[in-house]
């Protein structure tokens, strides 16, 4: 890929790149508050501005189109960031976010049976193994993707159409892996300073 696309300008010393893979994380210009998620196109505009910065010209004069990751999104982003060096853990975390999204939003016939106990047991075991939690009144776990990248109705249809617990779990894993791949291919996370010190 490096023979086709020149990526050298993205890796200059002192740059704001934290991690390039599996998800791209960059340091934001703000000290506290929420992380943001933006498309690679918007990130490219922001990074072009940053490269043009001089001591007498501030690095940022525009805020890219973005999604603010607050509420439940904040926790999902925080855990993905903490696991940024281990793709398997990141995917497990994102699958757990899908399991929790299923409980709070998705109309699953399977979860209207006594299998709901087994489902909650799976969630609790995974939360304990990963040592993660979402706190407060959280209703959003999976990160919001633009409709041109992923139709959220697909996740809901997968959940509502699953005839068994096995199919439900397999469907959640398939869709969360698909969303994770889209995040890796099409999005960049910008993190405030407070995330970097945790």
N, C-alpha and C. Protein backbone atom coordinates (compact mmCIF):
# COMPACT_ATOMS: atom_id res chain seq x y z
N UNK A 1 0.82 -1.20 0.00
CA UNK A 1 0.00 0.00 0.00
C UNK A 1 0.86 1.26 0.00
N UNK A 2 1.99 1.25 0.71
CA UNK A 2 2.82 2.44 0.80
C UNK A 2 3.40 2.84 -0.56
N UNK A 3 3.50 1.85 -1.48
CA UNK A 3 3.98 2.16 -2.83
C UNK A 3 2.93 2.93 -3.62
N UNK A 4 1.68 2.77 -3.26
CA UNK A 4 0.59 3.40 -3.99
C UNK A 4 0.20 4.72 -3.34
N UNK A 5 0.07 4.73 -2.03
CA UNK A 5 -0.37 5.92 -1.30
C UNK A 5 0.77 6.39 -0.41
N UNK A 6 1.15 7.63 -0.54
CA UNK A 6 2.22 8.19 0.29
C UNK A 6 1.65 8.57 1.65
N UNK A 7 2.02 7.80 2.66
CA UNK A 7 1.54 8.05 4.02
C UNK A 7 2.60 8.72 4.88
N UNK A 8 3.73 9.07 4.32
CA UNK A 8 4.84 9.57 5.13
C UNK A 8 4.48 10.83 5.91
N UNK A 9 3.66 11.69 5.33
CA UNK A 9 3.34 12.95 6.02
C UNK A 9 2.50 12.72 7.27
N UNK A 10 1.87 11.56 7.38
CA UNK A 10 1.03 11.29 8.55
C UNK A 10 1.84 10.83 9.75
N UNK A 11 3.11 10.53 9.55
CA UNK A 11 3.90 9.95 10.63
C UNK A 11 5.12 10.78 10.99
N UNK A 12 5.05 12.09 10.83
CA UNK A 12 6.17 12.96 11.19
C UNK A 12 6.34 12.95 12.70
N UNK A 13 7.59 13.09 13.18
CA UNK A 13 7.81 13.13 14.63
C UNK A 13 6.99 14.25 15.27
N UNK A 14 6.47 13.97 16.46
CA UNK A 14 5.68 14.97 17.17
C UNK A 14 4.27 15.10 16.67
N UNK A 15 3.88 14.25 15.75
CA UNK A 15 2.53 14.30 15.20
C UNK A 15 1.54 13.83 16.25
N UNK A 16 0.27 14.01 15.98
CA UNK A 16 -0.75 13.67 16.96
C UNK A 16 -1.25 12.24 16.86
N UNK A 17 -0.61 11.41 16.07
CA UNK A 17 -1.03 10.02 15.91
C UNK A 17 -0.71 9.23 17.18
N UNK A 18 -1.73 8.53 17.70
CA UNK A 18 -1.55 7.68 18.87
C UNK A 18 -1.46 6.23 18.43
N UNK A 19 -2.40 5.82 17.58
CA UNK A 19 -2.42 4.45 17.05
C UNK A 19 -3.02 4.48 15.65
N UNK A 20 -2.46 3.72 14.75
CA UNK A 20 -2.97 3.68 13.37
C UNK A 20 -3.84 2.45 13.13
N UNK A 21 -3.60 1.40 13.92
CA UNK A 21 -4.29 0.15 13.68
C UNK A 21 -4.50 -0.57 15.02
N UNK A 22 -5.57 -1.32 15.19
CA UNK A 22 -6.63 -1.61 14.24
C UNK A 22 -7.58 -0.43 14.02
N UNK A 23 -7.74 0.43 15.03
CA UNK A 23 -8.50 1.66 14.86
C UNK A 23 -7.53 2.83 14.96
N UNK A 24 -7.81 3.91 14.23
CA UNK A 24 -6.93 5.08 14.27
C UNK A 24 -7.37 6.05 15.35
N UNK A 25 -6.45 6.29 16.28
CA UNK A 25 -6.68 7.25 17.36
C UNK A 25 -5.68 8.38 17.21
N UNK A 26 -6.17 9.61 17.35
CA UNK A 26 -5.31 10.80 17.30
C UNK A 26 -5.60 11.69 18.49
N UNK A 27 -4.59 12.43 18.88
CA UNK A 27 -4.74 13.38 19.98
C UNK A 27 -5.48 14.61 19.47
N UNK A 28 -6.51 15.01 20.21
CA UNK A 28 -7.26 16.21 19.87
C UNK A 28 -6.57 17.45 20.42
N UNK A 29 -7.11 18.60 20.08
CA UNK A 29 -6.53 19.87 20.52
C UNK A 29 -7.10 20.34 21.86
N UNK A 30 -8.04 19.62 22.41
CA UNK A 30 -8.71 20.07 23.62
C UNK A 30 -8.27 19.21 24.81
N UNK A 31 -8.33 19.81 26.01
CA UNK A 31 -7.83 19.15 27.20
C UNK A 31 -8.82 18.18 27.82
N UNK A 32 -10.10 18.54 27.82
CA UNK A 32 -11.09 17.67 28.45
C UNK A 32 -12.35 17.64 27.60
N UNK A 33 -13.34 16.88 28.08
CA UNK A 33 -14.57 16.76 27.33
C UNK A 33 -14.63 15.43 26.61
N UNK A 34 -15.37 15.41 25.52
CA UNK A 34 -15.64 14.17 24.81
C UNK A 34 -14.66 13.94 23.67
N UNK A 35 -14.48 12.66 23.37
CA UNK A 35 -13.78 12.29 22.15
C UNK A 35 -14.73 12.54 20.98
N UNK A 36 -14.18 12.64 19.77
CA UNK A 36 -15.03 12.77 18.59
C UNK A 36 -14.65 11.70 17.58
N UNK A 37 -15.60 11.38 16.74
CA UNK A 37 -15.42 10.41 15.68
C UNK A 37 -15.70 11.12 14.37
N UNK A 38 -14.78 11.06 13.43
CA UNK A 38 -15.04 11.68 12.13
C UNK A 38 -14.55 10.77 11.01
N UNK A 39 -15.05 11.01 9.83
CA UNK A 39 -14.66 10.20 8.69
C UNK A 39 -13.21 10.49 8.34
N UNK A 40 -12.62 9.61 7.58
CA UNK A 40 -11.23 9.81 7.14
C UNK A 40 -11.10 11.07 6.28
N UNK A 41 -12.14 11.38 5.49
CA UNK A 41 -12.09 12.58 4.65
C UNK A 41 -12.02 13.83 5.52
N UNK A 42 -12.85 13.88 6.56
CA UNK A 42 -12.84 15.03 7.46
C UNK A 42 -11.52 15.10 8.25
N UNK A 43 -11.02 13.94 8.64
CA UNK A 43 -9.75 13.90 9.34
C UNK A 43 -8.62 14.43 8.44
N UNK A 44 -8.65 14.08 7.17
CA UNK A 44 -7.62 14.54 6.23
C UNK A 44 -7.61 16.07 6.15
N UNK A 45 -8.80 16.69 6.15
CA UNK A 45 -8.87 18.16 6.13
C UNK A 45 -8.24 18.75 7.39
N UNK A 46 -8.56 18.14 8.52
CA UNK A 46 -8.03 18.62 9.80
C UNK A 46 -6.51 18.45 9.86
N UNK A 47 -6.01 17.32 9.40
CA UNK A 47 -4.57 17.07 9.44
C UNK A 47 -3.82 17.96 8.45
N UNK A 48 -4.46 18.31 7.33
CA UNK A 48 -3.84 19.25 6.38
C UNK A 48 -3.66 20.61 7.05
N UNK A 49 -4.65 21.04 7.80
CA UNK A 49 -4.53 22.31 8.56
C UNK A 49 -3.42 22.23 9.58
N UNK A 50 -3.35 21.11 10.26
CA UNK A 50 -2.34 20.94 11.30
C UNK A 50 -0.93 21.04 10.71
N UNK A 51 -0.72 20.47 9.53
CA UNK A 51 0.60 20.51 8.89
C UNK A 51 0.99 21.92 8.46
N UNK A 52 0.00 22.77 8.21
CA UNK A 52 0.27 24.16 7.79
C UNK A 52 0.50 25.10 8.96
N UNK A 53 0.32 24.60 10.16
CA UNK A 53 0.44 25.46 11.35
C UNK A 53 1.86 25.99 11.51
N UNK A 54 1.95 27.23 11.98
CA UNK A 54 3.22 27.87 12.30
C UNK A 54 3.07 28.51 13.67
N UNK A 55 4.17 28.97 14.28
CA UNK A 55 4.04 29.58 15.60
C UNK A 55 3.05 30.75 15.65
N UNK A 56 2.93 31.51 14.54
CA UNK A 56 2.01 32.64 14.56
C UNK A 56 0.65 32.31 13.93
N UNK A 57 0.46 31.06 13.46
CA UNK A 57 -0.84 30.65 12.92
C UNK A 57 -1.33 29.43 13.70
N UNK A 58 -2.48 29.53 14.37
CA UNK A 58 -2.96 28.39 15.16
C UNK A 58 -3.21 27.18 14.26
N UNK A 59 -3.03 25.97 14.80
CA UNK A 59 -3.16 24.78 13.98
C UNK A 59 -4.59 24.48 13.52
N UNK A 60 -5.57 24.88 14.30
CA UNK A 60 -6.94 24.50 13.96
C UNK A 60 -7.79 25.75 13.76
N UNK A 61 -8.35 25.89 12.57
CA UNK A 61 -9.27 27.00 12.31
C UNK A 61 -10.65 26.49 11.95
N UNK A 62 -10.80 25.19 11.79
CA UNK A 62 -12.13 24.63 11.55
C UNK A 62 -12.32 23.38 12.36
N UNK A 63 -13.55 23.12 12.73
CA UNK A 63 -13.89 21.88 13.41
C UNK A 63 -14.50 20.98 12.35
N UNK A 64 -13.97 19.77 12.17
CA UNK A 64 -14.50 18.90 11.12
C UNK A 64 -15.91 18.43 11.46
N UNK A 65 -16.65 18.03 10.44
CA UNK A 65 -17.93 17.36 10.71
C UNK A 65 -17.60 16.11 11.51
N UNK A 66 -18.30 15.93 12.61
CA UNK A 66 -17.96 14.84 13.50
C UNK A 66 -19.16 14.40 14.31
N UNK A 67 -18.97 13.31 15.04
CA UNK A 67 -19.95 12.81 15.99
C UNK A 67 -19.29 12.91 17.37
N UNK A 68 -19.95 13.58 18.29
CA UNK A 68 -19.44 13.69 19.66
C UNK A 68 -19.75 12.39 20.40
N UNK A 69 -18.75 11.79 20.99
CA UNK A 69 -18.92 10.51 21.68
C UNK A 69 -19.12 10.76 23.17
N UNK A 70 -20.37 11.06 23.52
CA UNK A 70 -20.70 11.26 24.93
C UNK A 70 -21.74 10.23 25.33
N UNK A 71 -22.20 10.31 26.57
CA UNK A 71 -23.16 9.32 27.05
C UNK A 71 -22.54 7.92 27.01
N UNK A 72 -23.30 6.94 26.61
CA UNK A 72 -22.79 5.57 26.51
C UNK A 72 -21.67 5.43 25.50
N UNK A 73 -21.71 6.24 24.46
CA UNK A 73 -20.64 6.20 23.45
C UNK A 73 -19.28 6.49 24.10
N UNK A 74 -19.30 7.35 25.11
CA UNK A 74 -18.06 7.73 25.81
C UNK A 74 -17.37 6.49 26.37
N UNK A 75 -18.14 5.61 27.02
CA UNK A 75 -17.55 4.42 27.62
C UNK A 75 -17.04 3.45 26.56
N UNK A 76 -17.82 3.25 25.51
CA UNK A 76 -17.37 2.36 24.44
C UNK A 76 -16.06 2.86 23.86
N UNK A 77 -15.98 4.15 23.58
CA UNK A 77 -14.76 4.75 23.04
C UNK A 77 -13.60 4.58 24.03
N UNK A 78 -13.86 4.84 25.30
CA UNK A 78 -12.82 4.75 26.32
C UNK A 78 -12.23 3.34 26.39
N UNK A 79 -13.10 2.30 26.35
CA UNK A 79 -12.61 0.93 26.43
C UNK A 79 -11.89 0.52 25.15
N UNK A 80 -12.39 0.94 24.01
CA UNK A 80 -11.68 0.66 22.75
C UNK A 80 -10.28 1.28 22.81
N UNK A 81 -10.20 2.50 23.33
CA UNK A 81 -8.92 3.18 23.43
C UNK A 81 -7.97 2.44 24.38
N UNK A 82 -8.48 1.98 25.49
CA UNK A 82 -7.63 1.26 26.45
C UNK A 82 -7.10 -0.05 25.87
N UNK A 83 -7.89 -0.69 25.01
CA UNK A 83 -7.49 -1.97 24.42
C UNK A 83 -6.83 -1.79 23.05
N UNK A 84 -6.44 -0.58 22.71
CA UNK A 84 -6.00 -0.25 21.34
C UNK A 84 -4.83 -1.09 20.82
N UNK A 85 -4.09 -1.74 21.69
CA UNK A 85 -2.95 -2.54 21.25
C UNK A 85 -3.31 -4.00 21.06
N UNK A 86 -4.57 -4.36 21.26
CA UNK A 86 -4.99 -5.76 21.16
C UNK A 86 -6.32 -5.85 20.41
N UNK A 87 -6.26 -6.15 19.13
CA UNK A 87 -7.47 -6.18 18.32
C UNK A 87 -8.49 -7.20 18.81
N UNK A 88 -8.03 -8.34 19.30
CA UNK A 88 -8.98 -9.35 19.79
C UNK A 88 -9.80 -8.81 20.96
N UNK A 89 -9.13 -8.12 21.88
CA UNK A 89 -9.86 -7.53 23.01
C UNK A 89 -10.80 -6.43 22.54
N UNK A 90 -10.36 -5.65 21.56
CA UNK A 90 -11.23 -4.58 21.03
C UNK A 90 -12.49 -5.18 20.42
N UNK A 91 -12.33 -6.24 19.66
CA UNK A 91 -13.50 -6.88 19.03
C UNK A 91 -14.40 -7.53 20.08
N UNK A 92 -13.82 -8.12 21.11
CA UNK A 92 -14.63 -8.67 22.20
C UNK A 92 -15.42 -7.56 22.89
N UNK A 93 -14.75 -6.45 23.13
CA UNK A 93 -15.42 -5.30 23.76
C UNK A 93 -16.56 -4.82 22.89
N UNK A 94 -16.33 -4.72 21.58
CA UNK A 94 -17.37 -4.22 20.69
C UNK A 94 -18.53 -5.22 20.59
N UNK A 95 -18.22 -6.51 20.65
CA UNK A 95 -19.29 -7.51 20.68
C UNK A 95 -20.10 -7.36 21.96
N UNK A 96 -19.42 -7.13 23.09
CA UNK A 96 -20.12 -6.90 24.36
C UNK A 96 -21.03 -5.68 24.24
N UNK A 97 -20.56 -4.63 23.59
CA UNK A 97 -21.41 -3.45 23.36
C UNK A 97 -22.64 -3.85 22.56
N UNK A 98 -22.48 -4.74 21.58
CA UNK A 98 -23.61 -5.23 20.80
C UNK A 98 -24.59 -6.04 21.64
N UNK A 99 -24.06 -6.85 22.54
CA UNK A 99 -24.93 -7.63 23.44
C UNK A 99 -25.77 -6.69 24.30
N UNK A 100 -25.13 -5.65 24.81
CA UNK A 100 -25.84 -4.71 25.67
C UNK A 100 -26.83 -3.87 24.87
N UNK A 101 -26.47 -3.52 23.65
CA UNK A 101 -27.40 -2.80 22.78
C UNK A 101 -28.64 -3.65 22.50
N UNK A 102 -28.42 -4.94 22.36
CA UNK A 102 -29.51 -5.87 22.10
C UNK A 102 -30.51 -5.87 23.26
N UNK A 103 -30.00 -5.84 24.48
CA UNK A 103 -30.86 -5.85 25.67
C UNK A 103 -31.67 -4.57 25.77
N UNK A 104 -31.06 -3.43 25.44
CA UNK A 104 -31.74 -2.15 25.67
C UNK A 104 -32.60 -1.69 24.50
N UNK A 105 -32.29 -2.13 23.28
CA UNK A 105 -33.00 -1.57 22.12
C UNK A 105 -33.66 -2.56 21.19
N UNK A 106 -33.05 -3.71 21.03
CA UNK A 106 -33.49 -4.61 19.97
C UNK A 106 -34.65 -5.51 20.40
N UNK A 107 -35.65 -5.65 19.54
CA UNK A 107 -36.79 -6.51 19.87
C UNK A 107 -36.50 -7.97 19.52
N UNK A 108 -35.94 -8.70 20.46
CA UNK A 108 -35.57 -10.09 20.20
C UNK A 108 -36.58 -11.06 20.82
N UNK A 109 -37.21 -11.91 19.98
CA UNK A 109 -38.13 -12.92 20.53
C UNK A 109 -37.41 -13.88 21.48
N UNK A 110 -36.15 -14.16 21.21
CA UNK A 110 -35.38 -15.08 22.06
C UNK A 110 -35.29 -14.54 23.49
N UNK A 111 -35.15 -13.21 23.62
CA UNK A 111 -34.99 -12.63 24.95
C UNK A 111 -36.31 -12.44 25.68
N UNK A 112 -37.40 -12.86 25.05
CA UNK A 112 -38.69 -12.86 25.73
C UNK A 112 -39.01 -14.24 26.29
N UNK A 113 -37.98 -15.08 26.34
CA UNK A 113 -38.13 -16.42 26.92
C UNK A 113 -37.19 -16.51 28.13
N UNK A 114 -37.16 -17.70 28.75
CA UNK A 114 -36.26 -17.85 29.90
C UNK A 114 -34.79 -17.88 29.48
N UNK A 115 -34.50 -17.84 28.17
CA UNK A 115 -33.11 -17.74 27.70
C UNK A 115 -32.49 -16.39 28.04
N UNK A 116 -33.33 -15.44 28.44
CA UNK A 116 -32.81 -14.13 28.81
C UNK A 116 -31.82 -14.24 29.98
N UNK A 117 -32.05 -15.21 30.89
CA UNK A 117 -31.12 -15.41 32.00
C UNK A 117 -29.74 -15.81 31.49
N UNK A 118 -29.72 -16.74 30.55
CA UNK A 118 -28.45 -17.19 29.97
C UNK A 118 -27.76 -16.03 29.25
N UNK A 119 -28.54 -15.20 28.57
CA UNK A 119 -27.99 -14.06 27.84
C UNK A 119 -27.33 -13.07 28.82
N UNK A 120 -28.01 -12.78 29.92
CA UNK A 120 -27.43 -11.87 30.93
C UNK A 120 -26.20 -12.48 31.60
N UNK A 121 -26.20 -13.80 31.76
CA UNK A 121 -25.03 -14.47 32.32
C UNK A 121 -23.83 -14.29 31.39
N UNK A 122 -24.05 -14.42 30.10
CA UNK A 122 -22.97 -14.24 29.11
C UNK A 122 -22.44 -12.80 29.19
N UNK A 123 -23.35 -11.83 29.27
CA UNK A 123 -22.94 -10.42 29.38
C UNK A 123 -22.10 -10.20 30.64
N UNK A 124 -22.59 -10.68 31.78
CA UNK A 124 -21.87 -10.46 33.04
C UNK A 124 -20.51 -11.14 33.06
N UNK A 125 -20.43 -12.35 32.51
CA UNK A 125 -19.14 -13.05 32.46
C UNK A 125 -18.14 -12.28 31.59
N UNK A 126 -18.62 -11.79 30.45
CA UNK A 126 -17.73 -11.04 29.54
C UNK A 126 -17.30 -9.72 30.17
N UNK A 127 -18.21 -9.03 30.83
CA UNK A 127 -17.85 -7.77 31.51
C UNK A 127 -16.79 -8.02 32.58
N UNK A 128 -16.94 -9.10 33.33
CA UNK A 128 -15.97 -9.42 34.37
C UNK A 128 -14.61 -9.79 33.78
N UNK A 129 -14.62 -10.60 32.73
CA UNK A 129 -13.35 -11.01 32.11
C UNK A 129 -12.61 -9.82 31.50
N UNK A 130 -13.35 -8.91 30.88
CA UNK A 130 -12.72 -7.73 30.27
C UNK A 130 -12.49 -6.62 31.29
N UNK A 131 -13.15 -6.73 32.45
CA UNK A 131 -13.06 -5.72 33.52
C UNK A 131 -13.50 -4.34 33.00
N UNK A 132 -14.70 -4.31 32.41
CA UNK A 132 -15.24 -3.06 31.86
C UNK A 132 -16.65 -2.84 32.39
N UNK A 133 -17.10 -1.58 32.31
CA UNK A 133 -18.49 -1.27 32.67
C UNK A 133 -18.91 0.02 32.01
N UNK A 134 -20.20 0.14 31.82
CA UNK A 134 -20.83 1.39 31.38
C UNK A 134 -21.64 1.85 32.57
N UNK A 135 -21.49 3.09 32.98
CA UNK A 135 -22.13 3.56 34.22
C UNK A 135 -23.24 4.55 33.93
N UNK A 136 -24.22 4.56 34.82
CA UNK A 136 -25.30 5.52 34.70
C UNK A 136 -26.42 5.02 33.80
N UNK A 137 -27.26 5.94 33.39
CA UNK A 137 -28.41 5.62 32.56
C UNK A 137 -27.98 5.61 31.09
N UNK A 138 -27.39 4.52 30.65
CA UNK A 138 -26.82 4.41 29.31
C UNK A 138 -27.77 3.64 28.40
N UNK A 139 -28.01 4.20 27.20
CA UNK A 139 -28.83 3.49 26.22
C UNK A 139 -28.11 3.27 24.89
N UNK A 140 -26.93 3.83 24.76
CA UNK A 140 -26.17 3.68 23.51
C UNK A 140 -24.84 3.02 23.79
N UNK A 141 -24.59 1.93 23.10
CA UNK A 141 -23.36 1.17 23.30
C UNK A 141 -22.55 1.08 22.01
N UNK A 142 -23.20 0.73 20.91
CA UNK A 142 -22.51 0.67 19.62
C UNK A 142 -22.36 2.07 19.07
N UNK A 143 -21.19 2.38 18.52
CA UNK A 143 -20.92 3.72 18.05
C UNK A 143 -21.77 4.07 16.83
N UNK A 144 -22.20 5.32 16.71
CA UNK A 144 -23.06 5.71 15.59
C UNK A 144 -22.24 5.87 14.30
N UNK A 145 -22.65 5.17 13.27
CA UNK A 145 -21.98 5.26 11.97
C UNK A 145 -22.90 5.97 10.99
N UNK A 146 -22.32 6.70 10.05
CA UNK A 146 -23.13 7.36 9.03
C UNK A 146 -23.87 6.32 8.21
N UNK A 147 -25.08 6.66 7.80
CA UNK A 147 -25.94 5.72 7.08
C UNK A 147 -25.31 5.20 5.79
N UNK A 148 -24.45 6.02 5.16
CA UNK A 148 -23.83 5.53 3.92
C UNK A 148 -22.79 4.43 4.19
N UNK A 149 -22.36 4.31 5.45
CA UNK A 149 -21.41 3.26 5.80
C UNK A 149 -22.09 2.02 6.37
N UNK A 150 -23.17 2.25 7.15
CA UNK A 150 -23.83 1.11 7.79
C UNK A 150 -25.27 1.48 8.12
N UNK A 151 -26.18 0.63 7.72
CA UNK A 151 -27.61 0.84 8.01
C UNK A 151 -27.92 0.21 9.37
N UNK A 152 -28.27 1.02 10.40
CA UNK A 152 -28.53 0.44 11.72
C UNK A 152 -29.70 -0.54 11.73
N UNK A 153 -30.55 -0.45 10.73
CA UNK A 153 -31.66 -1.40 10.64
C UNK A 153 -31.19 -2.83 10.44
N UNK A 154 -29.99 -3.00 9.89
CA UNK A 154 -29.45 -4.35 9.68
C UNK A 154 -29.21 -5.04 11.01
N UNK A 155 -28.64 -4.32 11.97
CA UNK A 155 -28.40 -4.89 13.29
C UNK A 155 -29.72 -5.28 13.94
N UNK A 156 -30.69 -4.37 13.89
CA UNK A 156 -32.00 -4.65 14.51
C UNK A 156 -32.69 -5.84 13.84
N UNK A 157 -32.62 -5.91 12.51
CA UNK A 157 -33.24 -7.02 11.79
C UNK A 157 -32.56 -8.35 12.13
N UNK A 158 -31.26 -8.32 12.27
CA UNK A 158 -30.52 -9.53 12.64
C UNK A 158 -30.97 -10.03 14.00
N UNK A 159 -31.14 -9.11 14.94
CA UNK A 159 -31.55 -9.48 16.29
C UNK A 159 -32.99 -10.00 16.30
N UNK A 160 -33.87 -9.27 15.67
CA UNK A 160 -35.29 -9.67 15.71
C UNK A 160 -35.55 -10.94 14.91
N UNK A 161 -34.69 -11.24 13.94
CA UNK A 161 -34.91 -12.43 13.11
C UNK A 161 -34.23 -13.69 13.62
N UNK A 162 -33.46 -13.58 14.70
CA UNK A 162 -32.74 -14.76 15.21
C UNK A 162 -33.70 -15.74 15.88
N UNK A 163 -33.75 -17.00 15.39
CA UNK A 163 -34.70 -17.96 15.95
C UNK A 163 -34.23 -18.66 17.22
N UNK A 164 -32.93 -18.56 17.54
CA UNK A 164 -32.40 -19.23 18.72
C UNK A 164 -31.31 -18.36 19.36
N UNK A 165 -30.94 -18.73 20.57
CA UNK A 165 -29.87 -17.99 21.26
C UNK A 165 -28.56 -18.11 20.49
N UNK A 166 -28.29 -19.29 19.96
CA UNK A 166 -27.06 -19.49 19.19
C UNK A 166 -27.04 -18.56 17.97
N UNK A 167 -28.16 -18.47 17.26
CA UNK A 167 -28.25 -17.58 16.10
C UNK A 167 -28.15 -16.11 16.51
N UNK A 168 -28.74 -15.78 17.65
CA UNK A 168 -28.69 -14.41 18.15
C UNK A 168 -27.24 -14.01 18.43
N UNK A 169 -26.51 -14.86 19.14
CA UNK A 169 -25.12 -14.56 19.47
C UNK A 169 -24.25 -14.48 18.21
N UNK A 170 -24.48 -15.40 17.28
CA UNK A 170 -23.72 -15.39 16.03
C UNK A 170 -24.03 -14.13 15.22
N UNK A 171 -25.29 -13.72 15.20
CA UNK A 171 -25.69 -12.51 14.47
C UNK A 171 -25.08 -11.26 15.07
N UNK A 172 -25.06 -11.18 16.40
CA UNK A 172 -24.46 -10.03 17.06
C UNK A 172 -22.97 -9.98 16.75
N UNK A 173 -22.30 -11.12 16.82
CA UNK A 173 -20.86 -11.14 16.53
C UNK A 173 -20.59 -10.73 15.08
N UNK A 174 -21.38 -11.24 14.15
CA UNK A 174 -21.18 -10.89 12.73
C UNK A 174 -21.36 -9.39 12.50
N UNK A 175 -22.43 -8.82 13.04
CA UNK A 175 -22.71 -7.40 12.82
C UNK A 175 -21.74 -6.48 13.55
N UNK A 176 -21.33 -6.85 14.75
CA UNK A 176 -20.37 -5.99 15.45
C UNK A 176 -19.00 -6.07 14.78
N UNK A 177 -18.63 -7.23 14.26
CA UNK A 177 -17.38 -7.32 13.50
C UNK A 177 -17.45 -6.48 12.23
N UNK A 178 -18.60 -6.48 11.59
CA UNK A 178 -18.79 -5.67 10.39
C UNK A 178 -18.66 -4.18 10.73
N UNK A 179 -19.29 -3.76 11.82
CA UNK A 179 -19.20 -2.36 12.24
C UNK A 179 -17.76 -2.00 12.64
N UNK A 180 -17.08 -2.90 13.31
CA UNK A 180 -15.70 -2.66 13.70
C UNK A 180 -14.83 -2.47 12.45
N UNK A 181 -15.04 -3.29 11.45
CA UNK A 181 -14.28 -3.17 10.19
C UNK A 181 -14.54 -1.81 9.53
N UNK A 182 -15.78 -1.35 9.59
CA UNK A 182 -16.12 -0.03 9.02
C UNK A 182 -15.42 1.07 9.81
N UNK A 183 -15.43 0.97 11.13
CA UNK A 183 -14.71 1.95 11.95
C UNK A 183 -13.23 1.98 11.57
N UNK A 184 -12.64 0.81 11.36
CA UNK A 184 -11.22 0.74 11.00
C UNK A 184 -10.95 1.34 9.63
N UNK A 185 -11.84 1.11 8.69
CA UNK A 185 -11.61 1.56 7.31
C UNK A 185 -11.98 3.03 7.09
N UNK A 186 -13.00 3.51 7.76
CA UNK A 186 -13.61 4.79 7.36
C UNK A 186 -13.60 5.90 8.40
N UNK A 187 -13.13 5.64 9.62
CA UNK A 187 -13.24 6.64 10.69
C UNK A 187 -11.93 6.84 11.44
N UNK A 188 -11.85 8.01 12.09
CA UNK A 188 -10.72 8.36 12.94
C UNK A 188 -11.29 8.90 14.25
N UNK A 189 -10.70 8.48 15.37
CA UNK A 189 -11.07 8.97 16.69
C UNK A 189 -10.10 10.08 17.10
N UNK A 190 -10.63 11.17 17.62
CA UNK A 190 -9.81 12.23 18.20
C UNK A 190 -10.09 12.27 19.69
N UNK A 191 -9.01 12.14 20.48
CA UNK A 191 -9.14 11.97 21.92
C UNK A 191 -8.68 13.22 22.67
N UNK A 192 -9.43 13.66 23.67
CA UNK A 192 -8.96 14.78 24.50
C UNK A 192 -7.82 14.33 25.40
N UNK A 193 -7.10 15.28 25.95
CA UNK A 193 -5.96 14.99 26.82
C UNK A 193 -6.34 14.09 27.99
N UNK A 194 -7.56 14.26 28.54
CA UNK A 194 -7.95 13.48 29.71
C UNK A 194 -7.94 11.99 29.41
N UNK A 195 -8.25 11.57 28.18
CA UNK A 195 -8.22 10.15 27.83
C UNK A 195 -6.78 9.62 27.87
N UNK A 196 -5.83 10.47 27.51
CA UNK A 196 -4.45 10.02 27.38
C UNK A 196 -3.80 9.78 28.73
N UNK A 197 -4.34 10.39 29.77
CA UNK A 197 -3.73 10.27 31.10
C UNK A 197 -4.36 9.15 31.92
N UNK A 198 -5.33 8.45 31.35
CA UNK A 198 -6.01 7.40 32.12
C UNK A 198 -5.27 6.09 32.04
